[in-house]
Amino acid sequence: MTYLVRSLILFFLLYPCGAAIADDYPTRPVTMIVPFSAGGPGDVIARILGNAMSATLKQSIVIENVVGAGGTLGTNRVAKSAPDGYTLLLMHVGQATAPALYAKLPFDPVGDFAMIGLVTDVPMILVARPNFPAKDLSEMIARIRSEGDKMTFGNVGLGSASQLCGLMFMNTTDTKLSQIYYKGGGPALNDVIAGHIDVYCDPATGPTPYIQSKTIKGYAITSKTRVATLPEVPTSAEAGVPEFNVTTWYGLYAPRGTPKPVVDHLVGALQTALKDPALISRFAELSMAPVEPERATPDALEAFLRSEIGKWARIIKAAGIEPQ
């Protein structure tokens, strides 16, 4: 029996009693799968969000880190889980880039999921080693162009936020950097600090304390407005490259076939959580903010995901990256 047939059978078995399920749901802890390692940005966001949502759901949300294959292992786990509302996925922009990066995905990033809503857009920060000889972004771009691919750009692997940011930077500035791969953001940041690589781009949650302590240089933040934690770092638009606009956005998903009453209950819990002062404060400490209520909906997430799939397909193809 195919996965599609199994899902349809489950859906039609569950949906008629959807109202009853919604009345009782949840009766036990909910698992939120994060396809990345503990301690990373996605894990931190999941724990803050899970804690806030559990107050509405009146059940604990257990975070499970399922690491590997650029986030596709954990994502596939959720796609194949029972559509009962007890297994959720918190996934970043990698949900949109996977179709262009992997030749044979075991899941459909859109069709195999019940959308719940967007959670946050984490701005990226372009940083450089502490002795990088450029006072601003314009000088950085000029120096990179003059030295060609002799300059290095760190990233933490295929489909990572840092790689996507690097591709966007090179695409919008018509530059080329030699990419150096790392197993995690920590080692990459350490090499920026030590001057072993020239440039790096990461979600704001990582480089912020190092920029504050002037351990590394911050050149541009990829949000529309400056962030309160780094008021001296200009936006990419202010720095002269408005097209350099990329965020590590996060969405919340359930398996396809999850009954609508259960999805509606989760949407309500998400929207309530994103208004929680404690969550807003913790997000602000990490240089990010919850999305507006109208974006924390199934329709908004699906429309945004589809547009992002198209955008990143063009960028990845232009970079000459072949699907693995």
Protein backbone atom coordinates (compact mmCIF):
# COMPACT_ATOMS: atom_id res chain seq x y z
CA MET A 1 0.00 0.00 0.00
CA THR A 2 1.48 3.35 -1.01
CA TYR A 3 2.06 6.19 1.41
CA LEU A 4 -0.56 8.28 -0.40
CA VAL A 5 -3.21 5.58 0.02
CA ARG A 6 -2.32 5.07 3.70
CA SER A 7 -2.56 8.82 4.34
CA LEU A 8 -5.94 9.09 2.61
CA ILE A 9 -7.30 6.17 4.62
CA LEU A 10 -6.07 7.72 7.85
CA PHE A 11 -7.53 11.07 6.88
CA PHE A 12 -11.00 9.71 6.15
CA LEU A 13 -10.93 7.57 9.28
CA LEU A 14 -9.99 10.51 11.46
CA TYR A 15 -11.74 13.44 9.85
CA PRO A 16 -15.37 12.46 10.57
CA CYS A 17 -14.57 12.56 14.29
CA GLY A 18 -12.39 15.64 13.89
CA ALA A 19 -14.54 17.75 16.19
CA ALA A 20 -14.30 15.15 18.96
CA ILE A 21 -10.54 14.91 18.46
CA ALA A 22 -10.22 18.68 18.66
CA ASP A 23 -12.24 18.71 21.89
CA ASP A 24 -9.87 16.23 23.53
CA TYR A 25 -6.63 17.14 21.73
CA PRO A 26 -4.01 16.95 23.01
CA THR A 27 -4.29 14.25 25.67
CA ARG A 28 -0.54 13.58 25.83
CA PRO A 29 2.74 15.39 25.13
CA VAL A 30 3.35 16.63 21.58
CA THR A 31 6.71 16.03 19.88
CA MET A 32 8.23 18.87 17.87
CA ILE A 33 10.99 17.61 15.60
CA VAL A 34 13.88 19.95 14.83
CA PRO A 35 16.07 18.64 11.97
CA PHE A 36 19.22 20.24 13.42
CA SER A 37 21.53 19.82 16.38
CA ALA A 38 20.76 20.82 19.94
CA GLY A 39 21.92 24.30 20.85
CA GLY A 40 21.65 25.71 17.32
CA PRO A 41 19.27 28.52 16.31
CA GLY A 42 16.45 26.19 15.25
CA ASP A 43 16.68 24.23 18.48
CA VAL A 44 16.62 27.41 20.59
CA ILE A 45 13.61 28.77 18.68
CA ALA A 46 11.77 25.44 19.05
CA ARG A 47 12.27 25.37 22.81
CA ILE A 48 11.06 28.94 23.25
CA LEU A 49 8.07 28.31 20.97
CA GLY A 50 7.27 24.93 22.49
CA ASN A 51 7.24 26.35 25.98
CA ALA A 52 4.87 29.14 24.92
CA MET A 53 2.52 26.86 22.95
CA SER A 54 2.30 24.31 25.76
CA ALA A 55 0.53 26.88 27.93
CA THR A 56 -2.39 26.91 25.46
CA LEU A 57 -2.30 23.20 24.63
CA LYS A 58 -2.02 22.30 28.32
CA GLN A 59 0.43 19.58 27.41
CA SER A 60 4.20 19.67 27.24
CA ILE A 61 5.94 19.91 23.88
CA VAL A 62 8.98 17.66 23.68
CA ILE A 63 11.77 18.79 21.35
CA GLU A 64 13.49 16.00 19.42
CA ASN A 65 16.58 16.72 17.33
CA VAL A 66 16.76 14.50 14.25
CA VAL A 67 19.99 15.50 12.52
CA GLY A 68 21.31 14.68 9.05
CA ALA A 69 21.15 15.22 5.30
CA GLY A 70 20.67 18.97 5.48
CA GLY A 71 17.56 18.64 7.61
CA THR A 72 15.79 16.19 5.30
CA LEU A 73 16.00 13.23 7.71
CA GLY A 74 13.96 14.96 10.39
CA THR A 75 11.60 16.45 7.83
CA ASN A 76 10.98 13.03 6.31
CA ARG A 77 10.29 11.61 9.78
CA VAL A 78 7.42 14.05 10.20
CA ALA A 79 6.13 13.50 6.66
CA LYS A 80 5.81 9.77 7.44
CA SER A 81 4.34 10.21 10.94
CA ALA A 82 0.73 9.57 11.90
CA PRO A 83 -1.44 12.62 11.06
CA ASP A 84 -2.82 12.99 14.56
CA GLY A 85 -1.28 16.27 15.74
CA TYR A 86 1.27 14.64 18.03
CA THR A 87 4.27 15.03 15.73
CA LEU A 88 5.16 18.50 14.45
CA LEU A 89 8.03 19.92 12.42
CA LEU A 90 9.83 23.21 12.94
CA MET A 91 11.86 23.77 9.79
CA HIS A 92 13.65 26.76 8.32
CA VAL A 93 14.16 27.97 4.74
CA GLY A 94 15.64 24.54 3.95
CA GLN A 95 12.05 23.38 3.33
CA ALA A 96 12.14 25.59 0.22
CA THR A 97 15.67 24.84 -0.98
CA ALA A 98 15.54 21.04 -0.68
CA PRO A 99 13.85 20.45 -4.08
CA ALA A 100 16.72 22.22 -5.86
CA LEU A 101 19.49 20.65 -3.75
CA TYR A 102 18.40 17.00 -3.70
CA ALA A 103 17.66 14.93 -6.78
CA LYS A 104 15.42 12.41 -5.00
CA LEU A 105 13.61 13.77 -1.98
CA PRO A 106 11.62 11.14 -0.04
CA PHE A 107 8.88 13.70 0.60
CA ASP A 108 7.04 16.58 -1.07
CA PRO A 109 7.90 19.78 0.85
CA VAL A 110 4.42 21.18 0.16
CA GLY A 111 2.10 18.26 -0.51
CA ASP A 112 3.18 15.99 2.35
CA PHE A 113 2.47 18.52 5.10
CA ALA A 114 -0.42 20.27 6.78
CA MET A 115 0.71 23.87 7.15
CA ILE A 116 0.31 25.53 10.55
CA GLY A 117 2.03 28.88 10.08
CA LEU A 118 5.17 30.95 9.89
CA VAL A 119 6.97 31.59 13.18
CA THR A 120 9.80 34.07 12.65
CA ASP A 121 12.16 35.60 10.11
CA VAL A 122 15.66 35.53 11.55
CA PRO A 123 17.83 38.13 9.80
CA MET A 124 21.26 37.12 8.57
CA ILE A 125 24.42 39.08 9.35
CA LEU A 126 27.38 39.36 7.00
CA VAL A 127 30.58 39.38 9.07
CA ALA A 128 34.32 39.29 8.43
CA ARG A 129 37.54 38.57 10.30
CA PRO A 130 38.54 41.27 12.79
CA ASN A 131 41.37 42.62 10.61
CA PHE A 132 39.44 42.60 7.33
CA PRO A 133 40.60 45.72 5.43
CA ALA A 134 37.24 47.30 4.53
CA LYS A 135 35.36 49.94 6.47
CA ASP A 136 31.94 49.15 4.94
CA LEU A 137 30.09 46.81 2.60
CA SER A 138 30.97 48.77 -0.54
CA GLU A 139 34.68 48.46 0.23
CA MET A 140 34.26 44.77 1.03
CA ILE A 141 32.63 44.11 -2.35
CA ALA A 142 35.33 46.08 -4.18
CA ARG A 143 38.08 44.13 -2.44
CA ILE A 144 36.45 40.79 -3.18
CA ARG A 145 36.10 41.73 -6.85
CA SER A 146 39.75 42.78 -7.03
CA GLU A 147 41.01 39.54 -5.47
CA GLY A 148 38.65 37.16 -7.23
CA ASP A 149 38.09 33.82 -5.55
CA LYS A 150 41.23 34.11 -3.41
CA MET A 151 39.00 35.22 -0.57
CA THR A 152 37.17 32.60 1.47
CA PHE A 153 33.59 32.28 2.63
CA GLY A 154 32.64 29.86 5.40
CA ASN A 155 29.46 27.81 5.46
CA VAL A 156 28.17 24.80 7.35
CA GLY A 157 27.13 22.59 4.46
CA LEU A 158 24.63 21.95 1.74
CA GLY A 159 21.35 23.74 2.32
CA SER A 160 22.55 25.49 5.47
CA ALA A 161 21.48 29.06 6.15
CA SER A 162 25.09 30.18 5.87
CA GLN A 163 25.50 28.61 2.44
CA LEU A 164 22.24 30.12 1.20
CA CYS A 165 23.26 33.54 2.47
CA GLY A 166 26.61 33.20 0.71
CA LEU A 167 24.94 32.24 -2.55
CA MET A 168 22.57 35.19 -2.29
CA PHE A 169 25.46 37.55 -1.52
CA MET A 170 27.50 36.39 -4.51
CA ASN A 171 24.43 36.42 -6.77
CA THR A 172 23.40 39.98 -5.90
CA THR A 173 26.92 41.48 -5.89
CA ASP A 174 28.29 39.55 -8.89
CA THR A 175 31.24 38.30 -6.85
CA LYS A 176 32.90 34.95 -6.29
CA LEU A 177 34.34 33.57 -3.07
CA SER A 178 35.98 30.22 -2.34
CA GLN A 179 33.69 28.28 -0.04
CA ILE A 180 35.12 26.58 3.03
CA TYR A 181 32.86 23.97 4.62
CA TYR A 182 32.40 23.40 8.34
CA LYS A 183 30.48 20.90 10.45
CA GLY A 184 28.82 23.61 12.49
CA GLY A 185 28.41 27.32 13.10
CA GLY A 186 30.67 27.26 16.16
CA PRO A 187 33.81 26.13 14.30
CA ALA A 188 33.06 28.55 11.44
CA LEU A 189 32.73 31.51 13.80
CA ASN A 190 35.91 30.46 15.60
CA ASP A 191 37.80 30.55 12.30
CA VAL A 192 36.41 34.00 11.49
CA ILE A 193 37.60 35.22 14.89
CA ALA A 194 41.01 33.65 14.34
CA GLY A 195 41.27 35.15 10.85
CA HIS A 196 41.43 31.79 9.07
CA ILE A 197 38.51 32.68 6.76
CA ASP A 198 37.57 36.08 5.40
CA VAL A 199 33.78 36.28 5.32
CA TYR A 200 30.87 34.47 6.91
CA CYS A 201 27.10 34.91 7.00
CA ASP A 202 24.91 33.43 9.69
CA PRO A 203 21.55 33.95 11.42
CA ALA A 204 21.79 36.87 13.83
CA THR A 205 21.50 34.57 16.83
CA GLY A 206 25.11 33.39 16.30
CA PRO A 207 27.39 36.37 15.50
CA THR A 208 25.60 39.00 17.64
CA PRO A 209 27.71 38.65 20.83
CA TYR A 210 30.95 38.61 18.83
CA ILE A 211 30.03 41.79 16.99
CA GLN A 212 29.04 43.42 20.27
CA SER A 213 32.44 42.55 21.75
CA LYS A 214 34.17 43.68 18.53
CA THR A 215 35.70 40.23 18.14
CA ILE A 216 34.52 40.19 14.52
CA LYS A 217 33.29 42.89 12.13
CA GLY A 218 29.61 43.21 11.19
CA TYR A 219 28.98 44.66 7.71
CA ALA A 220 25.28 44.25 6.96
CA ILE A 221 22.12 42.79 8.41
CA THR A 222 19.63 41.39 5.92
CA SER A 223 16.43 42.67 7.52
CA LYS A 224 14.39 45.69 6.48
CA THR A 225 15.25 47.51 9.69
CA ARG A 226 18.22 47.48 12.02
CA VAL A 227 18.05 45.21 15.05
CA ALA A 228 18.06 46.64 18.56
CA THR A 229 20.90 44.40 19.70
CA LEU A 230 23.20 45.69 16.94
CA PRO A 231 22.14 49.29 16.27
CA GLU A 232 25.44 50.17 14.61
CA VAL A 233 25.17 47.50 11.89
CA PRO A 234 23.39 48.87 8.78
CA THR A 235 20.81 46.96 6.82
CA SER A 236 21.92 45.64 3.45
CA ALA A 237 19.74 48.31 1.80
CA GLU A 238 21.40 51.06 3.82
CA ALA A 239 24.78 49.58 2.90
CA GLY A 240 23.95 49.91 -0.80
CA VAL A 241 22.80 46.38 -1.74
CA PRO A 242 19.00 46.26 -1.27
CA GLU A 243 18.76 43.04 -3.32
CA PHE A 244 20.82 41.23 -0.67
CA ASN A 245 17.70 40.27 1.24
CA VAL A 246 17.64 36.84 2.86
CA THR A 247 16.26 35.57 6.14
CA THR A 248 16.27 32.24 7.88
CA TRP A 249 12.51 31.94 8.20
CA TYR A 250 10.92 29.17 10.22
CA GLY A 251 7.58 27.46 9.66
CA LEU A 252 5.58 24.99 11.72
CA TYR A 253 4.12 21.90 10.03
CA ALA A 254 2.15 18.73 10.76
CA PRO A 255 1.87 15.62 8.55
CA ARG A 256 -0.55 15.75 5.64
CA GLY A 257 -3.97 14.42 6.59
CA THR A 258 -4.00 15.92 10.07
CA PRO A 259 -7.69 16.71 10.75
CA LYS A 260 -8.58 20.35 10.23
CA PRO A 261 -9.95 20.82 13.76
CA VAL A 262 -6.59 19.71 15.15
CA VAL A 263 -4.72 22.00 12.74
CA ASP A 264 -7.00 24.87 13.77
CA HIS A 265 -6.21 24.16 17.42
CA LEU A 266 -2.48 24.25 16.67
CA VAL A 267 -2.85 27.47 14.68
CA GLY A 268 -4.58 29.07 17.65
CA ALA A 269 -1.84 27.87 20.00
CA LEU A 270 0.83 29.23 17.65
CA GLN A 271 -0.80 32.64 17.34
CA THR A 272 -1.28 32.91 21.10
CA ALA A 273 2.36 31.92 21.67
CA LEU A 274 3.64 34.57 19.25
CA LYS A 275 1.85 37.25 21.32
CA ASP A 276 3.34 36.00 24.60
CA PRO A 277 5.48 38.77 26.16
CA ALA A 278 8.01 36.20 27.41
CA LEU A 279 8.46 34.78 23.91
CA ILE A 280 8.72 38.25 22.35
CA SER A 281 11.36 39.21 24.92
CA ARG A 282 13.42 36.05 24.36
CA PHE A 283 13.20 36.45 20.58
CA ALA A 284 14.35 40.08 20.90
CA GLU A 285 17.40 38.98 22.87
CA LEU A 286 18.29 36.82 19.86
CA SER A 287 17.85 39.67 17.33
CA MET A 288 14.55 38.45 15.91
CA ALA A 289 10.81 38.89 16.29
CA PRO A 290 7.66 36.79 15.80
CA VAL A 291 5.84 37.19 12.50
CA GLU A 292 2.66 39.22 12.22
CA PRO A 293 -0.56 37.28 13.07
CA GLU A 294 -1.68 37.19 9.43
CA ARG A 295 1.51 35.30 8.51
CA ALA A 296 1.09 32.70 11.25
CA THR A 297 -1.59 30.87 9.25
CA PRO A 298 -1.68 27.79 6.99
CA ASP A 299 -2.51 29.78 3.84
CA ALA A 300 0.26 32.30 4.44
CA LEU A 301 2.86 29.61 5.06
CA GLU A 302 1.90 27.64 1.96
CA ALA A 303 1.94 30.70 -0.31
CA PHE A 304 5.27 31.85 1.09
CA LEU A 305 6.81 28.37 0.84
CA ARG A 306 5.80 28.03 -2.81
CA SER A 307 7.28 31.43 -3.68
CA GLU A 308 10.52 30.60 -1.83
CA ILE A 309 10.86 27.27 -3.68
CA GLY A 310 10.81 29.14 -6.99
CA LYS A 311 13.20 31.87 -5.81
CA TRP A 312 15.83 29.51 -4.45
CA ALA A 313 15.61 27.19 -7.45
CA ARG A 314 16.74 30.10 -9.64
CA ILE A 315 19.55 31.15 -7.28
CA ILE A 316 20.88 27.62 -6.79
CA LYS A 317 20.80 26.92 -10.52
CA ALA A 318 22.63 30.20 -11.25
CA ALA A 319 25.32 29.17 -8.75
CA GLY A 320 25.94 25.98 -10.73
CA ILE A 321 25.04 23.65 -7.84
CA GLU A 322 23.92 20.27 -9.09
CA PRO A 323 21.30 18.34 -7.08
CA GLN A 324 22.80 15.54 -5.01
